[in-house]
Amino acid sequence: MDAGENTLTLTPTSPGASTWRRAVLGRLGQLQRGTLTVEDAGDVLSFGRPAADGLAARVVVRRPGFWRRLALGGSVGAGESYADGDWDADDLTAVVRLLARNREALSGLDRGLAWLGRPAASLFALLRPNTRAGARRNIADHYDLGNDFFALMLDPTMTYSAAVFDPPEATLEEASRRKLEILCRKLDLGPADHLLEIGSGWGSMAIHAASRHGCRVTTTTISPSQYELARERTRAAGLAGRVTVLLEDYRDLKGEYDKLVSIEMIEAIGHRYFGEFFRRCAARLAPGGRMLLQSITIADRHYARARDEVDFIKRYIFPGCCIPSVSALAQAMAGASDLRIVHLEDIGPHYATTLARWRENLFASLERVRGLGYPESFIRMWEFYLCYCEAGFAERALGDVQMLLAREG
C-alpha cells in the first residue's frame, strides 16, 4: 500500500451499527499522522497514515457503551470509560499522542456531538470557583488524596512539578534536585535573602533553598495535608528556624520579601484571578525584587477555547484549574502590576519524561496503592491522567515555562 494513502481498512457504518460508533469512527477516519488500530466485537479497524517517528497504537473496546461516552463526552468521556474498564490500550500515551497530533482533524471528539454534554460541564465549572473557600475545596480534592499515595508516585524530594533531566540519564530524584537548583540560581538566592514561596507542595523547594543557599524561606499552601508534611519534613531537615510554613491563601499574605517563587501553582487559581495573583505578588516583593514563576502553558491560539471548556483534567483531576498561555500571563501581569519579564525558558519536553517516571513509580507500587484502599477505577483514572499529560508534553501541545520577573526599582 502507498504510504501516503489513508489506511482505513474497515468502517462499519451500516444502519445496524451504533450511531455513536459511526460518529466516532467517522472522525477517526480523518487521522493523518500516525496509525491507530481499533478492535471491537470481532472487527479490526485501521486508521491513519504511517508517521515518520513510527507513532502507532492499538485500542481494544471492552464494552459498547464506550462509543456513546466518547462521542458525547470527548476527553471526559474517554477518561471516565477508561477508568470503568470500557476500553484498553497497548500504549495509552501513544493513543493520546495520536489524538493530540491530529487535533484539528479530530476536534469533533471534543467539539462535535460532545456539545450535548456541555451544559452539565459548564455548570460543574460554575460550581467550582476559586474564591478562598472554593480554592481550598478544589485543592483538597487533589492534594489531600493522601500523602502516602503521593510518596509512592514521587521521588524522595516529594517534588510534584517538572524535573529537568540534565543529563538525560539522571534519576528522577537527581532531575528534581537539578530543577530546584536551576530555580535558585535564576533567583540568585543568597543568605541575605528572604524568599516567599506561593504553593509549598510538600516543602521540596523551601528545604532546598534554605539548606543549599542559606536563605530564609516563608512558604504557604492551602492544603492541610501538604502543610502538615511540609512542616514535618522541614523540622526533620533541621531547618525549623529558617523555614516558616503557612496554611494561608496567597491573597492573605502580608510582609515584604526579597525574592518570590511559585512553581506550577498559578494553573490552579483560574483565569479570573490571574491579574489578582500578579498584583498580590508585586505587593509582597521589595522594589527591584525578583520573582520566578514556573507554569504549565498552552499555545496562545488554543487558550481561549481551552479556558472555557471543561476537559478531563478540569473535571476529575484539578477542579477549577486553567492552563494559561504565555500571552495571557503577560497581559494579566502588565494590567495588574509593575512586574516585567526578564527571562523565559520552556522546559516542557522534560515534563513528558517526568510524568513517565511518576507512572513507572506508581505501577511499581500497585499493591501498596491498593493496600491504601484505592479502588481499581481510581488507579485507572490516574493512569489515564498521567498518560494524558505525558502525551500533551511529548507532542508539545503543552509547555512548561520558567519565567523570571523583576519588579521596578
Protein backbone atom coordinates (compact mmCIF):
# COMPACT_ATOMS: atom_id res chain seq x y z
CA MET A 1 0.00 0.00 0.00
CA ASP A 2 1.16 3.54 -0.74
CA ALA A 3 2.43 5.14 2.50
CA GLY A 4 0.63 8.33 1.58
CA GLU A 5 -2.75 6.59 1.40
CA ASN A 6 -5.02 6.61 4.44
CA THR A 7 -5.01 3.06 5.82
CA LEU A 8 -8.66 2.86 6.88
CA THR A 9 -9.47 -0.76 6.08
CA LEU A 10 -12.95 -1.13 7.56
CA THR A 11 -15.54 1.37 8.71
CA PRO A 12 -18.76 -0.35 9.81
CA THR A 13 -21.23 2.47 9.30
CA SER A 14 -24.21 0.40 8.25
CA PRO A 15 -27.63 1.27 9.67
CA GLY A 16 -27.22 -1.55 12.18
CA ALA A 17 -24.11 -0.01 13.71
CA SER A 18 -24.41 2.27 16.74
CA THR A 19 -24.95 5.94 15.91
CA TRP A 20 -22.25 6.79 18.42
CA ARG A 21 -19.86 4.25 16.93
CA ARG A 22 -20.40 5.60 13.44
CA ALA A 23 -19.84 9.16 14.63
CA VAL A 24 -16.54 8.36 16.34
CA LEU A 25 -15.27 6.15 13.51
CA GLY A 26 -16.07 8.90 11.04
CA ARG A 27 -13.75 11.20 12.95
CA LEU A 28 -11.03 8.58 13.29
CA GLY A 29 -11.15 8.20 9.53
CA GLN A 30 -9.54 11.66 9.33
CA LEU A 31 -6.38 10.58 11.12
CA GLN A 32 -3.33 11.58 9.10
CA ARG A 33 -0.20 11.49 11.28
CA GLY A 34 0.27 8.10 12.92
CA THR A 35 -1.75 4.90 12.86
CA LEU A 36 -4.44 3.54 15.16
CA THR A 37 -5.89 0.04 15.28
CA VAL A 38 -9.27 -0.45 16.96
CA GLU A 39 -10.55 -3.89 17.91
CA ASP A 40 -14.26 -4.08 18.69
CA ALA A 41 -16.67 -7.01 18.73
CA GLY A 42 -14.63 -9.02 16.26
CA ASP A 43 -13.92 -6.08 13.93
CA VAL A 44 -10.36 -4.87 13.41
CA LEU A 45 -10.20 -1.34 12.05
CA SER A 46 -7.07 0.54 11.00
CA PHE A 47 -6.86 4.31 10.68
CA GLY A 48 -4.29 6.89 9.71
CA ARG A 49 -1.04 7.03 7.83
CA PRO A 50 2.41 5.89 8.99
CA ALA A 51 4.28 8.66 10.79
CA ALA A 52 7.97 9.34 10.34
CA ASP A 53 8.57 8.52 14.01
CA GLY A 54 6.52 5.33 13.81
CA LEU A 55 3.81 6.51 16.22
CA ALA A 56 1.17 3.77 16.39
CA ALA A 57 -1.29 2.46 18.97
CA ARG A 58 -3.95 -0.19 19.47
CA VAL A 59 -7.26 0.20 21.31
CA VAL A 60 -9.46 -2.71 22.43
CA VAL A 61 -13.11 -1.86 23.13
CA ARG A 62 -14.44 -3.98 26.01
CA ARG A 63 -17.97 -2.58 26.31
CA PRO A 64 -20.17 -0.94 23.65
CA GLY A 65 -21.00 1.95 25.99
CA PHE A 66 -17.53 3.29 25.22
CA TRP A 67 -18.73 4.73 21.90
CA ARG A 68 -21.52 6.80 23.43
CA ARG A 69 -19.35 8.09 26.25
CA LEU A 70 -16.60 9.13 23.85
CA ALA A 71 -18.98 10.73 21.35
CA LEU A 72 -20.85 12.73 23.99
CA GLY A 73 -18.06 13.37 26.46
CA GLY A 74 -14.86 13.85 24.45
CA SER A 75 -11.80 13.64 26.72
CA VAL A 76 -14.04 13.49 29.81
CA GLY A 77 -15.93 10.50 28.39
CA ALA A 78 -12.68 8.83 27.34
CA GLY A 79 -11.25 9.16 30.84
CA GLU A 80 -14.43 8.03 32.56
CA SER A 81 -14.83 4.99 30.32
CA TYR A 82 -11.15 4.06 30.69
CA ALA A 83 -11.47 4.23 34.49
CA ASP A 84 -14.51 1.95 34.28
CA GLY A 85 -12.73 -0.57 32.05
CA ASP A 86 -14.75 0.09 28.88
CA TRP A 87 -11.55 0.06 26.80
CA ASP A 88 -7.85 -0.70 26.99
CA ALA A 89 -4.76 0.23 25.02
CA ASP A 90 -1.39 -1.38 24.46
CA ASP A 91 0.20 2.09 24.88
CA LEU A 92 -2.18 4.62 26.39
CA THR A 93 0.25 7.51 25.99
CA ALA A 94 0.59 6.75 22.28
CA VAL A 95 -3.21 6.81 21.88
CA VAL A 96 -3.42 10.29 23.38
CA ARG A 97 -0.40 11.45 21.39
CA LEU A 98 -2.21 10.40 18.20
CA LEU A 99 -5.26 12.42 19.21
CA ALA A 100 -3.12 15.44 20.13
CA ARG A 101 -1.12 15.22 16.90
CA ASN A 102 -4.33 15.14 14.86
CA ARG A 103 -6.12 17.73 16.97
CA GLU A 104 -7.73 19.65 14.13
CA ALA A 105 -8.99 16.56 12.30
CA LEU A 106 -10.40 15.07 15.48
CA SER A 107 -11.79 18.25 17.01
CA GLY A 108 -15.27 16.78 16.83
CA LEU A 109 -14.42 14.35 19.63
CA ASP A 110 -14.47 17.33 21.99
CA ARG A 111 -16.48 19.84 19.99
CA GLY A 112 -18.86 17.83 17.81
CA LEU A 113 -21.51 15.67 19.47
CA ALA A 114 -19.87 16.50 22.79
CA TRP A 115 -21.81 19.78 22.77
CA LEU A 116 -24.71 17.78 24.20
CA GLY A 117 -22.74 17.37 27.41
CA ARG A 118 -21.59 20.97 27.67
CA PRO A 119 -24.40 22.32 29.86
CA ALA A 120 -23.51 19.88 32.65
CA ALA A 121 -19.80 20.59 32.21
CA SER A 122 -20.37 24.34 32.29
CA LEU A 123 -22.47 24.01 35.44
CA PHE A 124 -19.68 22.00 37.03
CA ALA A 125 -17.19 24.79 36.27
CA LEU A 126 -19.51 27.46 37.67
CA LEU A 127 -19.88 25.49 40.90
CA ARG A 128 -16.09 25.31 41.41
CA PRO A 129 -14.93 28.96 41.51
CA ASN A 130 -11.58 29.78 43.15
CA THR A 131 -12.86 32.02 45.88
CA ARG A 132 -10.99 31.49 49.14
CA ALA A 133 -13.40 28.76 50.21
CA GLY A 134 -13.69 27.32 46.69
CA ALA A 135 -9.93 27.21 46.22
CA ARG A 136 -9.49 25.23 49.43
CA ARG A 137 -12.12 22.75 48.29
CA ASN A 138 -10.60 22.42 44.81
CA ILE A 139 -7.09 21.93 46.19
CA ALA A 140 -8.30 19.42 48.77
CA ASP A 141 -9.89 17.29 46.04
CA HIS A 142 -6.44 16.65 44.60
CA TYR A 143 -3.65 17.30 47.08
CA ASP A 144 -5.42 15.82 50.11
CA LEU A 145 -5.87 12.42 48.46
CA GLY A 146 -3.19 11.17 50.87
CA ASN A 147 0.48 11.91 51.45
CA ASP A 148 1.26 8.18 51.42
CA PHE A 149 -0.19 7.89 47.92
CA PHE A 150 1.90 10.75 46.54
CA ALA A 151 5.02 9.40 48.27
CA LEU A 152 4.66 6.19 46.24
CA MET A 153 4.47 8.13 42.97
CA LEU A 154 7.03 10.89 43.51
CA ASP A 155 10.74 10.75 44.26
CA PRO A 156 12.15 11.24 47.80
CA THR A 157 12.19 15.04 47.42
CA MET A 158 8.37 14.93 47.02
CA THR A 159 8.60 17.35 44.10
CA TYR A 160 5.30 17.44 42.18
CA SER A 161 6.36 19.52 39.16
CA ALA A 162 8.52 19.06 36.08
CA ALA A 163 12.03 17.81 36.74
CA VAL A 164 15.00 18.67 34.49
CA PHE A 165 16.81 15.63 33.12
CA ASP A 166 20.27 17.06 32.62
CA PRO A 167 22.00 14.73 31.91
CA PRO A 168 19.24 12.70 30.21
CA GLU A 169 20.14 9.54 32.13
CA ALA A 170 19.57 11.24 35.51
CA THR A 171 17.30 9.57 38.03
CA LEU A 172 14.01 11.25 38.86
CA GLU A 173 15.38 12.42 42.20
CA GLU A 174 18.51 13.85 40.57
CA ALA A 175 16.39 15.60 37.93
CA SER A 176 14.10 17.09 40.60
CA ARG A 177 17.06 18.44 42.54
CA ARG A 178 18.50 19.82 39.30
CA LYS A 179 15.29 21.73 38.63
CA LEU A 180 15.20 23.15 42.17
CA GLU A 181 18.79 24.30 41.83
CA ILE A 182 18.06 25.97 38.50
CA LEU A 183 15.26 27.96 40.12
CA CYS A 184 17.50 29.04 42.99
CA ARG A 185 20.24 30.17 40.63
CA LYS A 186 17.84 32.11 38.43
CA LEU A 187 16.65 33.92 41.55
CA ASP A 188 20.28 34.45 42.63
CA LEU A 189 19.42 33.35 46.14
CA GLY A 190 21.83 34.02 48.99
CA PRO A 191 21.97 34.10 52.81
CA ALA A 192 20.73 37.69 52.94
CA ASP A 193 17.50 36.89 51.08
CA HIS A 194 14.06 36.21 52.47
CA LEU A 195 12.23 34.08 49.91
CA LEU A 196 8.44 33.83 49.72
CA GLU A 197 7.06 30.69 48.09
CA ILE A 198 3.42 30.59 46.99
CA GLY A 199 2.43 26.94 46.73
CA SER A 200 4.56 24.87 49.12
CA GLY A 201 3.89 21.42 47.77
CA TRP A 202 5.44 19.14 50.35
CA GLY A 203 8.32 21.51 51.02
CA SER A 204 10.95 20.48 48.48
CA MET A 205 11.76 23.99 47.21
CA ALA A 206 11.81 25.54 50.68
CA ILE A 207 14.10 22.83 52.01
CA HIS A 208 16.44 23.02 49.01
CA ALA A 209 16.66 26.82 49.01
CA ALA A 210 17.27 27.11 52.75
CA SER A 211 19.74 24.22 53.02
CA ARG A 212 21.74 24.88 49.83
CA HIS A 213 21.63 28.68 49.63
CA GLY A 214 21.25 29.73 53.25
CA CYS A 215 18.24 32.00 52.75
CA ARG A 216 15.18 32.36 54.95
CA VAL A 217 12.00 30.96 53.42
CA THR A 218 8.34 31.59 54.11
CA THR A 219 6.20 29.13 52.18
CA THR A 220 2.43 28.79 52.05
CA THR A 221 -0.14 26.21 50.97
CA ILE A 222 -3.88 25.82 51.41
CA SER A 223 -3.69 22.01 51.57
CA PRO A 224 -3.79 20.78 55.18
CA SER A 225 -2.09 17.52 54.17
CA GLN A 226 0.76 19.33 52.46
CA TYR A 227 1.06 21.80 55.34
CA GLU A 228 1.50 19.09 57.95
CA LEU A 229 4.03 17.08 55.96
CA ALA A 230 5.99 20.17 54.83
CA ARG A 231 6.35 21.21 58.47
CA GLU A 232 7.42 17.71 59.45
CA ARG A 233 9.99 17.49 56.66
CA THR A 234 11.34 20.95 57.45
CA ARG A 235 11.87 20.01 61.11
CA ALA A 236 13.49 16.71 60.10
CA ALA A 237 15.93 18.64 57.89
CA GLY A 238 16.90 20.86 60.84
CA LEU A 239 15.51 23.95 59.15
CA ALA A 240 12.66 24.89 61.50
CA GLY A 241 14.48 28.11 62.42
CA ARG A 242 14.96 29.12 58.79
CA VAL A 243 11.76 27.93 57.09
CA THR A 244 8.25 29.05 58.06
CA VAL A 245 5.35 27.02 56.65
CA LEU A 246 1.96 28.74 56.50
CA LEU A 247 -1.56 27.48 55.84
CA GLU A 248 -2.74 30.65 54.12
CA ASP A 249 -4.28 31.74 50.83
CA TYR A 250 -1.90 33.85 48.73
CA ARG A 251 -4.44 36.68 48.93
CA ASP A 252 -3.99 36.90 52.70
CA LEU A 253 -0.21 37.08 52.88
CA LYS A 254 1.49 40.09 54.46
CA GLY A 255 5.01 41.50 54.59
CA GLU A 256 7.78 42.30 52.14
CA TYR A 257 10.22 39.80 50.65
CA ASP A 258 13.41 39.99 48.60
CA LYS A 259 12.53 37.15 46.26
CA LEU A 260 9.41 35.17 45.36
CA VAL A 261 8.88 31.78 43.73
CA SER A 262 5.74 29.96 42.63
CA ILE A 263 6.07 26.56 40.98
CA GLU A 264 3.13 25.28 38.93
CA MET A 265 0.60 26.85 41.26
CA ILE A 266 -0.89 29.56 39.07
CA GLU A 267 -2.67 26.95 36.92
CA ALA A 268 -4.86 26.13 39.92
CA ILE A 269 -6.27 29.60 40.53
CA GLY A 270 -8.47 30.06 37.43
CA HIS A 271 -8.17 32.68 34.70
CA ARG A 272 -10.37 35.19 36.52
CA TYR A 273 -7.71 35.51 39.20
CA PHE A 274 -4.53 35.83 37.10
CA GLY A 275 -4.46 39.61 37.48
CA GLU A 276 -5.07 39.47 41.23
CA PHE A 277 -2.33 36.89 41.61
CA PHE A 278 0.27 39.17 40.00
CA ARG A 279 -1.00 42.18 41.94
CA ARG A 280 -0.60 40.30 45.21
CA CYS A 281 2.85 39.03 44.22
CA ALA A 282 4.09 42.50 43.34
CA ALA A 283 2.74 43.82 46.63
CA ARG A 284 4.83 41.26 48.53
CA LEU A 285 8.05 41.93 46.60
CA ALA A 286 10.51 44.63 47.61
CA PRO A 287 11.29 47.21 44.88
CA GLY A 288 13.73 45.61 42.46
CA GLY A 289 12.90 42.14 43.77
CA ARG A 290 12.86 39.04 41.58
CA MET A 291 10.08 36.52 41.08
CA LEU A 292 10.37 33.11 39.44
CA LEU A 293 7.13 31.71 38.08
CA GLN A 294 7.04 28.17 36.71
CA SER A 295 3.80 27.45 34.86
CA ILE A 296 2.38 24.85 32.52
CA THR A 297 1.25 26.65 29.38
CA ILE A 298 -0.89 26.11 26.30
CA ALA A 299 -0.37 27.70 22.88
CA ASP A 300 -1.85 31.18 22.58
CA ARG A 301 -4.12 30.18 19.70
CA HIS A 302 -5.74 27.41 21.76
CA TYR A 303 -6.00 29.32 25.02
CA ALA A 304 -9.45 30.91 24.70
CA ARG A 305 -11.19 27.65 23.78
CA ALA A 306 -9.36 25.61 26.44
CA ARG A 307 -10.11 28.27 29.05
CA ASP A 308 -13.85 27.95 28.53
CA GLU A 309 -14.09 24.16 28.18
CA VAL A 310 -14.23 21.54 30.90
CA ASP A 311 -11.94 18.72 29.83
CA PHE A 312 -10.91 15.55 31.65
CA ILE A 313 -8.30 17.34 33.79
CA LYS A 314 -10.71 20.03 34.98
CA ARG A 315 -13.46 17.55 35.67
CA TYR A 316 -11.59 14.84 37.54
CA ILE A 317 -8.06 15.89 38.45
CA PHE A 318 -7.76 19.64 39.05
CA PRO A 319 -11.21 21.22 39.53
CA GLY A 320 -11.14 24.97 38.93
CA CYS A 321 -7.86 24.93 37.04
CA CYS A 322 -6.95 26.86 33.90
CA ILE A 323 -3.77 26.33 31.88
CA PRO A 324 -2.62 29.80 30.78
CA SER A 325 -0.81 30.85 27.65
CA VAL A 326 2.32 32.98 27.87
CA SER A 327 0.40 35.92 26.40
CA ALA A 328 -2.42 35.52 28.93
CA LEU A 329 0.13 35.64 31.74
CA ALA A 330 1.93 38.63 30.26
CA GLN A 331 -1.29 40.58 29.76
CA ALA A 332 -2.54 39.85 33.27
CA MET A 333 0.83 40.83 34.70
CA ALA A 334 1.02 44.10 32.77
CA GLY A 335 -2.52 45.08 33.69
CA ALA A 336 -2.17 44.44 37.42
CA SER A 337 1.45 45.02 38.43
CA ASP A 338 4.80 46.63 37.68
CA LEU A 339 6.40 43.23 37.14
CA ARG A 340 8.22 42.64 33.86
CA ILE A 341 9.64 39.54 32.16
CA VAL A 342 13.44 39.47 32.08
CA HIS A 343 13.99 35.81 31.12
CA LEU A 344 11.88 32.90 29.90
CA GLU A 345 12.74 29.25 29.31
CA ASP A 346 10.48 26.37 28.29
CA ILE A 347 11.32 23.07 29.98
CA GLY A 348 8.21 21.31 28.61
CA PRO A 349 9.98 18.34 26.98
CA HIS A 350 11.36 17.36 30.40
CA TYR A 351 7.81 17.08 31.70
CA ALA A 352 6.98 14.16 29.42
CA THR A 353 9.88 12.23 30.97
CA THR A 354 8.86 13.30 34.48
CA LEU A 355 5.31 12.04 34.00
CA ALA A 356 6.55 8.74 32.60
CA ARG A 357 8.74 8.26 35.69
CA TRP A 358 5.83 9.06 38.02
CA ARG A 359 3.72 6.47 36.22
CA GLU A 360 6.52 3.90 36.50
CA ASN A 361 6.77 4.56 40.23
CA LEU A 362 3.02 4.26 40.68
CA PHE A 363 2.74 0.96 38.86
CA ALA A 364 5.82 -0.42 40.58
CA SER A 365 3.93 0.15 43.86
CA LEU A 366 0.47 -1.02 42.79
CA GLU A 367 -0.01 -3.47 45.64
CA ARG A 368 0.87 -0.77 48.16
CA VAL A 369 -1.54 1.63 46.43
CA ARG A 370 -4.29 -0.97 46.69
CA GLY A 371 -3.29 -1.54 50.30
CA LEU A 372 -4.02 2.12 50.99
CA GLY A 373 -7.62 1.47 49.93
CA TYR A 374 -7.68 3.00 46.45
CA PRO A 375 -10.01 1.10 44.06
CA GLU A 376 -9.12 -0.07 40.56
CA SER A 377 -11.21 2.70 38.99
CA PHE A 378 -9.09 5.30 40.83
CA ILE A 379 -5.87 3.64 39.69
CA ARG A 380 -7.06 3.55 36.07
CA MET A 381 -8.21 7.18 36.32
CA TRP A 382 -4.72 8.20 37.45
CA GLU A 383 -3.11 6.12 34.75
CA PHE A 384 -5.22 7.99 32.20
CA TYR A 385 -4.31 11.34 33.82
CA LEU A 386 -0.57 10.66 33.74
CA CYS A 387 -0.63 9.36 30.16
CA TYR A 388 -2.92 12.20 29.03
CA CYS A 389 -0.47 14.79 30.36
CA GLU A 390 2.64 12.96 29.16
CA ALA A 391 1.22 12.88 25.64
CA GLY A 392 0.43 16.60 25.77
CA PHE A 393 4.02 17.47 26.59
CA ALA A 394 5.51 14.90 24.21
CA GLU A 395 3.53 16.43 21.34
CA ARG A 396 4.31 19.98 22.52
CA ALA A 397 0.61 20.73 22.90
CA LEU A 398 1.68 21.83 26.38
CA GLY A 399 4.74 23.71 27.54
CA ASP A 400 6.22 24.46 30.95
CA VAL A 401 7.86 27.84 31.27
CA GLN A 402 10.19 29.23 33.88
CA MET A 403 9.52 32.94 33.75
CA LEU A 404 11.88 35.26 35.64
CA LEU A 405 10.19 38.52 36.56
CA ALA A 406 11.54 41.70 38.11
CA ARG A 407 9.77 44.45 39.96
CA GLU A 408 10.60 48.05 39.09
CA GLY A 409 13.07 49.82 41.34
